[in-house]
Structure formats: structure tokens, C-alpha cells
Amino acid sequence: MSSTEQIFERSWSWNGGGSRRSAAAAEFLREFNAGLTHRQRLEQVRFIAGLMDDRFVVPGTRFRFGLDSIVGLFPGFGDVITTAISLLIVHHAWQSGASKFTLARMLGNVGIDFVVGVVPVFGDLFDVVFKANRKNMRLLEAHLTTREARGTVEILPPLKRPPRK
């Protein structure tokens, strides 16, 4: 089952098929993330980072951009939404036991992306170049790889990514 299918299946089952629409977002996240393995967390982080930073490609080039750049075009509101999504990656790192230093670096990346991103025009161009979610994904991967080397965490071999067209 792909990470996308996992996300939608878990959210649908949590929502009871539409019967609990008024539940708080915090409760949803708590239930959604309950019992996830480090591998599952890493899969979700990779999915979020790919969606937000590298989902689309400019035809004929190697230039990639994601929803962070598109949603960020809406002044203020777009940057708040993308920052909230970026904080999910930090949440997964925190749940994985990342050090305070790693979490601070991740929050710094999200903060820079937010502060510069709210500047009209320049911020939108910056969002295309500064891929905070990818940087944070790499920080989490490094953290989990280090813990795996110490023997405190077991992560299966890296995910096989489909070939890019």
C-alpha cells in the first residue's frame, strides 16, 4: 500500500466516513500518528516533502516545484497553510526522538521559509528555490540513520522510488 493510500485510508476510517467532521485537528493528528513506526513516519515525511517541494516539473527542464510555491502565491493565507504543513515534518521528527539541535534546525528552516515567503514576489521566488521540506526530510533521515547505526532503531532498507520520467 502506498503512503498516499495509507494517508487517505487512515483519515477516512478516523472520520467515520463523514460522521465526525467537527473533531479537533489536534485529536485527528494524535489518532492519525498513534503507533506509527519510524519507517511509516519517514514514508509520510517523504510524501509531504515531495508534494510540497518537488511535485511538478517544468517541461523540457529539470526544474521542479511543489504546492508550497503554488499555495504560497496567496498572500498571507497561503504561507500560513504551507507553514502548518511543514510543521508536520517537524512533528514527525519530534515523535521520532530527534535531538533539540535537529529540531531547532528544522524549525529554523520552516521559519526562514515563512518569514521570507510572506514578502510579495521575492518570497514566491524564494519558495521555489529554498526547499525547506526537503531539507527537513534529509535532517530526519540523517537522525534515523544515526540511531539505526547505534542500534537503537531499526529501519528497513530505503524506499524504492519510482523512476522519474
C-alpha atoms as a PDB file:
ATOM      1  CA  MET A   1       0.000   0.000   0.000  1.00  0.00           C
ATOM      2  CA  SER A   2       1.456   3.364  -0.976  1.00  0.00           C
ATOM      3  CA  SER A   3       1.837   6.177   1.539  1.00  0.00           C
ATOM      4  CA  THR A   4      -0.898   8.137  -0.239  1.00  0.00           C
ATOM      5  CA  GLU A   5      -3.322   5.242   0.141  1.00  0.00           C
ATOM      6  CA  GLN A   6      -2.313   4.893   3.793  1.00  0.00           C
ATOM      7  CA  ILE A   7      -2.991   8.551   4.473  1.00  0.00           C
ATOM      8  CA  PHE A   8      -6.415   8.568   2.862  1.00  0.00           C
ATOM      9  CA  GLU A   9      -7.420   5.205   4.292  1.00  0.00           C
ATOM     10  CA  ARG A  10      -6.497   6.228   7.835  1.00  0.00           C
ATOM     11  CA  SER A  11      -8.153   9.641   7.542  1.00  0.00           C
ATOM     12  CA  TRP A  12     -11.334   8.102   6.110  1.00  0.00           C
ATOM     13  CA  SER A  13     -11.555   5.475   8.856  1.00  0.00           C
ATOM     14  CA  TRP A  14     -10.891   8.128  11.517  1.00  0.00           C
ATOM     15  CA  ASN A  15     -13.586  10.357  10.087  1.00  0.00           C
ATOM     16  CA  GLY A  16     -16.056   7.502  10.238  1.00  0.00           C
ATOM     17  CA  GLY A  17     -16.993   8.060   6.628  1.00  0.00           C
ATOM     18  CA  GLY A  18     -18.016  11.646   7.376  1.00  0.00           C
ATOM     19  CA  SER A  19     -19.775  11.342  10.747  1.00  0.00           C
ATOM     20  CA  ARG A  20     -17.174  13.150  12.909  1.00  0.00           C
ATOM     21  CA  ARG A  21     -16.395  16.220  10.820  1.00  0.00           C
ATOM     22  CA  SER A  22     -16.346  18.579  13.775  1.00  0.00           C
ATOM     23  CA  ALA A  23     -13.499  16.812  15.648  1.00  0.00           C
ATOM     24  CA  ALA A  24     -10.455  18.927  16.535  1.00  0.00           C
ATOM     25  CA  ALA A  25      -7.360  18.841  14.318  1.00  0.00           C
ATOM     26  CA  ALA A  26      -5.163  18.017  17.305  1.00  0.00           C
ATOM     27  CA  GLU A  27      -7.258  14.946  18.086  1.00  0.00           C
ATOM     28  CA  PHE A  28      -7.038  13.860  14.458  1.00  0.00           C
ATOM     29  CA  LEU A  29      -3.238  14.172  14.424  1.00  0.00           C
ATOM     30  CA  ARG A  30      -2.911  12.337  17.725  1.00  0.00           C
ATOM     31  CA  GLU A  31      -5.013   9.417  16.480  1.00  0.00           C
ATOM     32  CA  PHE A  32      -3.526   9.533  12.983  1.00  0.00           C
ATOM     33  CA  ASN A  33       0.053   9.273  14.250  1.00  0.00           C
ATOM     34  CA  ALA A  34      -0.606   6.799  17.051  1.00  0.00           C
ATOM     35  CA  GLY A  35       1.538   3.705  16.762  1.00  0.00           C
ATOM     36  CA  LEU A  36       3.425   4.676  13.603  1.00  0.00           C
ATOM     37  CA  THR A  37       6.776   3.013  13.137  1.00  0.00           C
ATOM     38  CA  HIS A  38       9.842   5.061  12.257  1.00  0.00           C
ATOM     39  CA  ARG A  39       9.628   3.691   8.729  1.00  0.00           C
ATOM     40  CA  GLN A  40       5.997   4.825   8.375  1.00  0.00           C
ATOM     41  CA  ARG A  41       6.881   8.266   9.716  1.00  0.00           C
ATOM     42  CA  LEU A  42       9.721   8.522   7.209  1.00  0.00           C
ATOM     43  CA  GLU A  43       7.385   7.474   4.381  1.00  0.00           C
ATOM     44  CA  GLN A  44       4.917  10.189   5.354  1.00  0.00           C
ATOM     45  CA  VAL A  45       7.672  12.786   5.602  1.00  0.00           C
ATOM     46  CA  ARG A  46       8.964  11.822   2.149  1.00  0.00           C
ATOM     47  CA  PHE A  47       5.436  12.072   0.752  1.00  0.00           C
ATOM     48  CA  ILE A  48       4.836  15.517   2.296  1.00  0.00           C
ATOM     49  CA  ALA A  49       8.240  16.845   1.214  1.00  0.00           C
ATOM     50  CA  GLY A  50       7.761  15.590  -2.342  1.00  0.00           C
ATOM     51  CA  LEU A  51       4.279  17.052  -2.577  1.00  0.00           C
ATOM     52  CA  MET A  52       5.270  20.415  -1.147  1.00  0.00           C
ATOM     53  CA  ASP A  53       8.654  20.903  -2.862  1.00  0.00           C
ATOM     54  CA  ASP A  54       9.054  18.693  -5.949  1.00  0.00           C
ATOM     55  CA  ARG A  55       5.651  17.571  -7.229  1.00  0.00           C
ATOM     56  CA  PHE A  56       5.684  19.366 -10.597  1.00  0.00           C
ATOM     57  CA  VAL A  57       8.318  19.779 -13.276  1.00  0.00           C
ATOM     58  CA  VAL A  58       8.666  22.478 -15.919  1.00  0.00           C
ATOM     59  CA  PRO A  59       8.514  20.603 -19.256  1.00  0.00           C
ATOM     60  CA  GLY A  60      11.852  20.287 -21.006  1.00  0.00           C
ATOM     61  CA  THR A  61      13.840  21.181 -17.874  1.00  0.00           C
ATOM     62  CA  ARG A  62      14.941  19.597 -14.619  1.00  0.00           C
ATOM     63  CA  PHE A  63      13.323  22.460 -12.698  1.00  0.00           C
ATOM     64  CA  ARG A  64      10.890  21.157 -10.049  1.00  0.00           C
ATOM     65  CA  PHE A  65       8.457  22.918  -7.746  1.00  0.00           C
ATOM     66  CA  GLY A  66       5.626  21.900  -5.467  1.00  0.00           C
ATOM     67  CA  LEU A  67       2.486  23.007  -3.744  1.00  0.00           C
ATOM     68  CA  ASP A  68       4.488  25.231  -1.394  1.00  0.00           C
ATOM     69  CA  SER A  69       5.251  27.526  -4.325  1.00  0.00           C
ATOM     70  CA  ILE A  70       1.694  27.475  -5.668  1.00  0.00           C
ATOM     71  CA  VAL A  71      -0.237  27.885  -2.418  1.00  0.00           C
ATOM     72  CA  GLY A  72       2.289  30.500  -1.296  1.00  0.00           C
ATOM     73  CA  LEU A  73       1.055  32.768  -4.086  1.00  0.00           C
ATOM     74  CA  PHE A  74      -1.996  33.597  -1.951  1.00  0.00           C
ATOM     75  CA  PRO A  75      -0.811  36.480   0.256  1.00  0.00           C
ATOM     76  CA  GLY A  76      -0.581  35.636   3.948  1.00  0.00           C
ATOM     77  CA  PHE A  77      -3.063  32.775   3.966  1.00  0.00           C
ATOM     78  CA  GLY A  78      -1.026  30.576   1.624  1.00  0.00           C
ATOM     79  CA  ASP A  79       2.152  30.978   3.655  1.00  0.00           C
ATOM     80  CA  VAL A  80       0.334  30.124   6.897  1.00  0.00           C
ATOM     81  CA  ILE A  81      -1.115  26.953   5.349  1.00  0.00           C
ATOM     82  CA  THR A  82       2.202  25.787   3.890  1.00  0.00           C
ATOM     83  CA  THR A  83       3.974  26.504   7.186  1.00  0.00           C
ATOM     84  CA  ALA A  84       1.415  24.403   9.066  1.00  0.00           C
ATOM     85  CA  ILE A  85       2.018  21.526   6.648  1.00  0.00           C
ATOM     86  CA  SER A  86       5.797  21.949   7.011  1.00  0.00           C
ATOM     87  CA  LEU A  87       5.421  21.702  10.779  1.00  0.00           C
ATOM     88  CA  LEU A  88       4.033  18.173  10.311  1.00  0.00           C
ATOM     89  CA  ILE A  89       7.538  17.102   9.300  1.00  0.00           C
ATOM     90  CA  VAL A  90       8.941  18.684  12.465  1.00  0.00           C
ATOM     91  CA  HIS A  91       6.232  16.879  14.459  1.00  0.00           C
ATOM     92  CA  HIS A  92       7.305  13.537  12.975  1.00  0.00           C
ATOM     93  CA  ALA A  93      10.928  14.302  13.862  1.00  0.00           C
ATOM     94  CA  TRP A  94       9.928  15.159  17.417  1.00  0.00           C
ATOM     95  CA  GLN A  95       7.935  11.919  17.675  1.00  0.00           C
ATOM     96  CA  SER A  96      10.984  10.026  16.377  1.00  0.00           C
ATOM     97  CA  GLY A  97      13.125  11.367  19.196  1.00  0.00           C
ATOM     98  CA  ALA A  98      15.217  13.868  17.236  1.00  0.00           C
ATOM     99  CA  SER A  99      17.637  15.964  19.267  1.00  0.00           C
ATOM    100  CA  LYS A 100      16.817  19.526  20.294  1.00  0.00           C
ATOM    101  CA  PHE A 101      19.521  20.739  17.922  1.00  0.00           C
ATOM    102  CA  THR A 102      17.974  18.881  14.960  1.00  0.00           C
ATOM    103  CA  LEU A 103      14.514  20.177  15.857  1.00  0.00           C
ATOM    104  CA  ALA A 104      15.905  23.711  16.137  1.00  0.00           C
ATOM    105  CA  ARG A 105      17.468  23.433  12.668  1.00  0.00           C
ATOM    106  CA  MET A 106      14.183  22.152  11.268  1.00  0.00           C
ATOM    107  CA  LEU A 107      12.202  24.948  12.903  1.00  0.00           C
ATOM    108  CA  GLY A 108      14.776  27.406  11.556  1.00  0.00           C
ATOM    109  CA  ASN A 109      14.210  26.113   8.015  1.00  0.00           C
ATOM    110  CA  VAL A 110      10.436  26.432   8.417  1.00  0.00           C
ATOM    111  CA  GLY A 111      10.821  29.888   9.966  1.00  0.00           C
ATOM    112  CA  ILE A 112      13.045  31.156   7.147  1.00  0.00           C
ATOM    113  CA  ASP A 113      10.616  29.755   4.581  1.00  0.00           C
ATOM    114  CA  PHE A 114       7.718  31.525   6.308  1.00  0.00           C
ATOM    115  CA  VAL A 115       9.372  34.895   7.004  1.00  0.00           C
ATOM    116  CA  VAL A 116      10.874  35.301   3.540  1.00  0.00           C
ATOM    117  CA  GLY A 117       7.836  33.682   1.897  1.00  0.00           C
ATOM    118  CA  VAL A 118       5.453  36.422   3.060  1.00  0.00           C
ATOM    119  CA  VAL A 119       7.401  39.066   1.115  1.00  0.00           C
ATOM    120  CA  PRO A 120       5.445  39.696  -2.106  1.00  0.00           C
ATOM    121  CA  VAL A 121       7.051  38.445  -5.351  1.00  0.00           C
ATOM    122  CA  PHE A 122      10.531  37.838  -3.849  1.00  0.00           C
ATOM    123  CA  GLY A 123       9.028  35.439  -1.308  1.00  0.00           C
ATOM    124  CA  ASP A 124       7.282  33.486  -4.041  1.00  0.00           C
ATOM    125  CA  LEU A 125      10.528  33.123  -5.982  1.00  0.00           C
ATOM    126  CA  PHE A 126      12.320  32.170  -2.769  1.00  0.00           C
ATOM    127  CA  ASP A 127       9.750  29.400  -2.133  1.00  0.00           C
ATOM    128  CA  VAL A 128      10.649  27.836  -5.472  1.00  0.00           C
ATOM    129  CA  VAL A 129      14.383  27.763  -4.649  1.00  0.00           C
ATOM    130  CA  PHE A 130      14.506  27.198  -0.862  1.00  0.00           C
ATOM    131  CA  LYS A 131      13.052  23.751  -0.287  1.00  0.00           C
ATOM    132  CA  ALA A 132      12.623  23.690   3.484  1.00  0.00           C
ATOM    133  CA  ASN A 133      10.621  20.462   3.484  1.00  0.00           C
ATOM    134  CA  ARG A 134      13.323  18.586   1.558  1.00  0.00           C
ATOM    135  CA  LYS A 135      15.993  19.934   3.917  1.00  0.00           C
ATOM    136  CA  ASN A 136      13.964  18.807   6.923  1.00  0.00           C
ATOM    137  CA  MET A 137      13.353  15.394   5.363  1.00  0.00           C
ATOM    138  CA  ARG A 138      17.118  14.952   4.979  1.00  0.00           C
ATOM    139  CA  LEU A 139      17.658  16.006   8.605  1.00  0.00           C
ATOM    140  CA  LEU A 140      15.139  13.390   9.767  1.00  0.00           C
ATOM    141  CA  GLU A 141      16.730  10.731   7.549  1.00  0.00           C
ATOM    142  CA  ALA A 142      20.161  11.571   8.982  1.00  0.00           C
ATOM    143  CA  HIS A 143      18.789  11.377  12.524  1.00  0.00           C
ATOM    144  CA  LEU A 144      17.159   7.991  11.926  1.00  0.00           C
ATOM    145  CA  THR A 145      20.231   6.650  10.102  1.00  0.00           C
ATOM    146  CA  THR A 146      22.412   7.640  13.060  1.00  0.00           C
ATOM    147  CA  ARG A 147      20.044   5.971  15.515  1.00  0.00           C
ATOM    148  CA  GLU A 148      19.952   2.875  13.318  1.00  0.00           C
ATOM    149  CA  ALA A 149      23.767   2.729  13.268  1.00  0.00           C
ATOM    150  CA  ARG A 150      23.778   2.835  17.071  1.00  0.00           C
ATOM    151  CA  GLY A 151      21.260   0.006  17.130  1.00  0.00           C
ATOM    152  CA  THR A 152      18.536   1.972  18.921  1.00  0.00           C
ATOM    153  CA  VAL A 153      16.147   1.982  15.959  1.00  0.00           C
ATOM    154  CA  GLU A 154      15.557  -0.413  13.109  1.00  0.00           C
ATOM    155  CA  ILE A 155      14.554   0.930   9.733  1.00  0.00           C
ATOM    156  CA  LEU A 156      14.122  -1.267   6.724  1.00  0.00           C
ATOM    157  CA  PRO A 157      16.138  -0.575   3.551  1.00  0.00           C
ATOM    158  CA  PRO A 158      15.423   2.738   1.809  1.00  0.00           C
ATOM    159  CA  LEU A 159      12.155   3.042  -0.051  1.00  0.00           C
ATOM    160  CA  LYS A 160      12.324   2.251  -3.722  1.00  0.00           C
ATOM    161  CA  ARG A 161      11.311   5.334  -5.586  1.00  0.00           C
ATOM    162  CA  PRO A 162       9.642   5.006  -8.974  1.00  0.00           C
ATOM    163  CA  PRO A 163      11.844   6.112 -11.868  1.00  0.00           C
ATOM    164  CA  ARG A 164      11.303   9.695 -12.957  1.00  0.00           C
ATOM    165  CA  LYS A 165      10.084  10.268 -16.471  1.00  0.00           C
END
